[in-house]
Amino acid sequence: SQGHYSLLHQFNGQDGMSPGGPFVPDANGDLYNVTGTGGPYLGTDGTIFKISTTDQKHYKLTTVFAFTNDALEPKNPYNTVVLDKDGSIYGVTRNGGEWGAGTLFKLTPR
């Protein structure tokens, strides 16, 4: 095989598990994505994370949002997220919501 890869981050469960679809860049060059399970709360409800670098050699993963195990809240995001020009994050979840059938969400980071 040809090419060379670099390991940027290894998930440990507390920061998420089962990362999702394509990365989405913001205006600063940070890359956003989701994990479908894992996170800091009891249960396996997923996270939104970003990965950033200042020198293209060292990378930092930051959990932007962790989905809780509250049955009515969104949980288990999948596919990817979309960012609008104001920095809000939109996505979908497989589970959660009033009927447990998934949700469409908007997250406005602080």
C-alpha atoms as a PDB file:
ATOM      1  CA  SER A   1       0.000   0.000   0.000  1.00  0.00           C
ATOM      2  CA  GLN A   2       1.093   3.566  -0.592  1.00  0.00           C
ATOM      3  CA  GLY A   3       0.898   6.631   1.593  1.00  0.00           C
ATOM      4  CA  HIS A   4       1.427   7.467   5.221  1.00  0.00           C
ATOM      5  CA  TYR A   5      -1.143   8.102   7.912  1.00  0.00           C
ATOM      6  CA  SER A   6      -0.881   9.850  11.266  1.00  0.00           C
ATOM      7  CA  LEU A   7      -2.981   8.924  14.267  1.00  0.00           C
ATOM      8  CA  LEU A   8      -4.590  12.161  15.486  1.00  0.00           C
ATOM      9  CA  HIS A   9      -6.725  10.868  18.368  1.00  0.00           C
ATOM     10  CA  GLN A  10      -7.792   7.601  19.985  1.00  0.00           C
ATOM     11  CA  PHE A  11     -11.257   7.688  21.539  1.00  0.00           C
ATOM     12  CA  ASN A  12     -11.473   6.366  25.085  1.00  0.00           C
ATOM     13  CA  GLY A  13     -15.241   6.114  25.528  1.00  0.00           C
ATOM     14  CA  GLN A  14     -15.499   9.142  27.818  1.00  0.00           C
ATOM     15  CA  ASP A  15     -14.897  11.401  24.805  1.00  0.00           C
ATOM     16  CA  GLY A  16     -17.127   9.290  22.566  1.00  0.00           C
ATOM     17  CA  MET A  17     -17.205   6.065  20.586  1.00  0.00           C
ATOM     18  CA  SER A  18     -18.110   5.188  16.994  1.00  0.00           C
ATOM     19  CA  PRO A  19     -17.270   8.470  15.199  1.00  0.00           C
ATOM     20  CA  GLY A  20     -19.554   9.350  12.306  1.00  0.00           C
ATOM     21  CA  GLY A  21     -19.578  10.699   8.783  1.00  0.00           C
ATOM     22  CA  PRO A  22     -17.437  13.321   7.063  1.00  0.00           C
ATOM     23  CA  PHE A  23     -15.778  16.152   8.940  1.00  0.00           C
ATOM     24  CA  VAL A  24     -17.238  19.640   8.557  1.00  0.00           C
ATOM     25  CA  PRO A  25     -14.822  22.606   8.698  1.00  0.00           C
ATOM     26  CA  ASP A  26     -15.614  25.932  10.339  1.00  0.00           C
ATOM     27  CA  ALA A  27     -14.251  29.350   9.348  1.00  0.00           C
ATOM     28  CA  ASN A  28     -11.187  28.836  11.606  1.00  0.00           C
ATOM     29  CA  GLY A  29     -10.257  25.498  10.053  1.00  0.00           C
ATOM     30  CA  ASP A  30     -11.459  23.398  12.997  1.00  0.00           C
ATOM     31  CA  LEU A  31     -13.152  20.150  11.963  1.00  0.00           C
ATOM     32  CA  TYR A  32     -16.470  19.013  13.490  1.00  0.00           C
ATOM     33  CA  ASN A  33     -17.984  15.549  13.681  1.00  0.00           C
ATOM     34  CA  VAL A  34     -20.089  13.294  15.947  1.00  0.00           C
ATOM     35  CA  THR A  35     -19.742  10.058  17.845  1.00  0.00           C
ATOM     36  CA  GLY A  36     -22.836   7.877  17.848  1.00  0.00           C
ATOM     37  CA  THR A  37     -22.216   6.485  21.322  1.00  0.00           C
ATOM     38  CA  GLY A  38     -20.034   7.090  24.354  1.00  0.00           C
ATOM     39  CA  GLY A  39     -19.514  10.285  26.271  1.00  0.00           C
ATOM     40  CA  PRO A  40     -19.073  11.425  29.858  1.00  0.00           C
ATOM     41  CA  TYR A  41     -22.587  10.571  31.104  1.00  0.00           C
ATOM     42  CA  LEU A  42     -23.862   7.174  32.166  1.00  0.00           C
ATOM     43  CA  GLY A  43     -25.168   5.418  29.098  1.00  0.00           C
ATOM     44  CA  THR A  44     -23.876   5.647  25.576  1.00  0.00           C
ATOM     45  CA  ASP A  45     -25.537   8.659  24.034  1.00  0.00           C
ATOM     46  CA  GLY A  46     -22.855  10.293  21.860  1.00  0.00           C
ATOM     47  CA  THR A  47     -21.020  13.574  21.455  1.00  0.00           C
ATOM     48  CA  ILE A  48     -20.299  16.427  19.073  1.00  0.00           C
ATOM     49  CA  PHE A  49     -16.575  17.126  18.890  1.00  0.00           C
ATOM     50  CA  LYS A  50     -14.090  19.298  17.077  1.00  0.00           C
ATOM     51  CA  ILE A  51     -10.478  18.679  16.267  1.00  0.00           C
ATOM     52  CA  SER A  52      -8.109  21.601  15.901  1.00  0.00           C
ATOM     53  CA  THR A  53      -4.440  22.306  15.321  1.00  0.00           C
ATOM     54  CA  THR A  54      -2.215  25.346  15.261  1.00  0.00           C
ATOM     55  CA  ASP A  55       0.796  23.746  13.583  1.00  0.00           C
ATOM     56  CA  GLN A  56      -0.532  20.777  11.531  1.00  0.00           C
ATOM     57  CA  LYS A  57       1.543  18.441  13.746  1.00  0.00           C
ATOM     58  CA  HIS A  58      -0.266  18.512  17.088  1.00  0.00           C
ATOM     59  CA  TYR A  59      -4.027  18.037  17.261  1.00  0.00           C
ATOM     60  CA  LYS A  60      -6.517  18.588  20.061  1.00  0.00           C
ATOM     61  CA  LEU A  61      -9.964  17.011  20.342  1.00  0.00           C
ATOM     62  CA  THR A  62     -12.562  19.048  22.232  1.00  0.00           C
ATOM     63  CA  THR A  63     -16.005  17.761  23.171  1.00  0.00           C
ATOM     64  CA  VAL A  64     -18.379  20.524  22.099  1.00  0.00           C
ATOM     65  CA  PHE A  65     -21.494  18.806  23.429  1.00  0.00           C
ATOM     66  CA  ALA A  66     -22.276  15.522  25.172  1.00  0.00           C
ATOM     67  CA  PHE A  67     -25.751  14.060  24.787  1.00  0.00           C
ATOM     68  CA  THR A  68     -27.279  13.024  28.133  1.00  0.00           C
ATOM     69  CA  ASN A  69     -29.141   9.863  29.048  1.00  0.00           C
ATOM     70  CA  ASP A  70     -32.413  11.778  29.570  1.00  0.00           C
ATOM     71  CA  ALA A  71     -34.930   9.816  27.471  1.00  0.00           C
ATOM     72  CA  LEU A  72     -36.652  12.968  26.157  1.00  0.00           C
ATOM     73  CA  GLU A  73     -33.471  14.654  24.922  1.00  0.00           C
ATOM     74  CA  PRO A  74     -31.716  13.909  21.621  1.00  0.00           C
ATOM     75  CA  LYS A  75     -29.248  11.030  21.708  1.00  0.00           C
ATOM     76  CA  ASN A  76     -27.043   8.966  19.397  1.00  0.00           C
ATOM     77  CA  PRO A  77     -26.216  11.483  16.640  1.00  0.00           C
ATOM     78  CA  TYR A  78     -25.264  10.024  13.297  1.00  0.00           C
ATOM     79  CA  ASN A  79     -24.040  10.865   9.838  1.00  0.00           C
ATOM     80  CA  THR A  80     -22.546  14.345  10.277  1.00  0.00           C
ATOM     81  CA  VAL A  81     -23.396  17.885  11.298  1.00  0.00           C
ATOM     82  CA  VAL A  82     -23.839  21.117   9.356  1.00  0.00           C
ATOM     83  CA  LEU A  83     -22.549  24.507  10.515  1.00  0.00           C
ATOM     84  CA  ASP A  84     -24.252  27.779   9.609  1.00  0.00           C
ATOM     85  CA  LYS A  85     -22.495  31.110   9.151  1.00  0.00           C
ATOM     86  CA  ASP A  86     -23.184  32.050  12.789  1.00  0.00           C
ATOM     87  CA  GLY A  87     -21.522  28.882  14.140  1.00  0.00           C
ATOM     88  CA  SER A  88     -24.702  27.008  15.082  1.00  0.00           C
ATOM     89  CA  ILE A  89     -24.522  23.247  14.611  1.00  0.00           C
ATOM     90  CA  TYR A  90     -27.381  21.243  13.078  1.00  0.00           C
ATOM     91  CA  GLY A  91     -27.744  17.486  13.061  1.00  0.00           C
ATOM     92  CA  VAL A  92     -29.953  14.451  13.521  1.00  0.00           C
ATOM     93  CA  THR A  93     -30.115  11.704  16.138  1.00  0.00           C
ATOM     94  CA  ARG A  94     -31.264   8.099  15.929  1.00  0.00           C
ATOM     95  CA  ASN A  95     -32.942   8.121  19.331  1.00  0.00           C
ATOM     96  CA  GLY A  96     -34.462  10.459  21.890  1.00  0.00           C
ATOM     97  CA  GLY A  97     -37.292  12.931  21.714  1.00  0.00           C
ATOM     98  CA  GLU A  98     -40.820  12.572  23.013  1.00  0.00           C
ATOM     99  CA  TRP A  99     -41.490   9.347  21.089  1.00  0.00           C
ATOM    100  CA  GLY A 100     -37.932   7.968  21.179  1.00  0.00           C
ATOM    101  CA  ALA A 101     -37.775   7.979  17.387  1.00  0.00           C
ATOM    102  CA  GLY A 102     -34.940  10.499  16.938  1.00  0.00           C
ATOM    103  CA  THR A 103     -34.639  14.249  16.594  1.00  0.00           C
ATOM    104  CA  LEU A 104     -33.422  17.099  14.428  1.00  0.00           C
ATOM    105  CA  PHE A 105     -31.399  19.501  16.588  1.00  0.00           C
ATOM    106  CA  LYS A 106     -29.700  22.891  16.553  1.00  0.00           C
ATOM    107  CA  LEU A 107     -26.871  23.630  18.977  1.00  0.00           C
ATOM    108  CA  THR A 108     -25.616  27.175  19.444  1.00  0.00           C
ATOM    109  CA  PRO A 109     -22.166  26.980  21.096  1.00  0.00           C
ATOM    110  CA  ARG A 110     -21.334  29.523  23.781  1.00  0.00           C
END
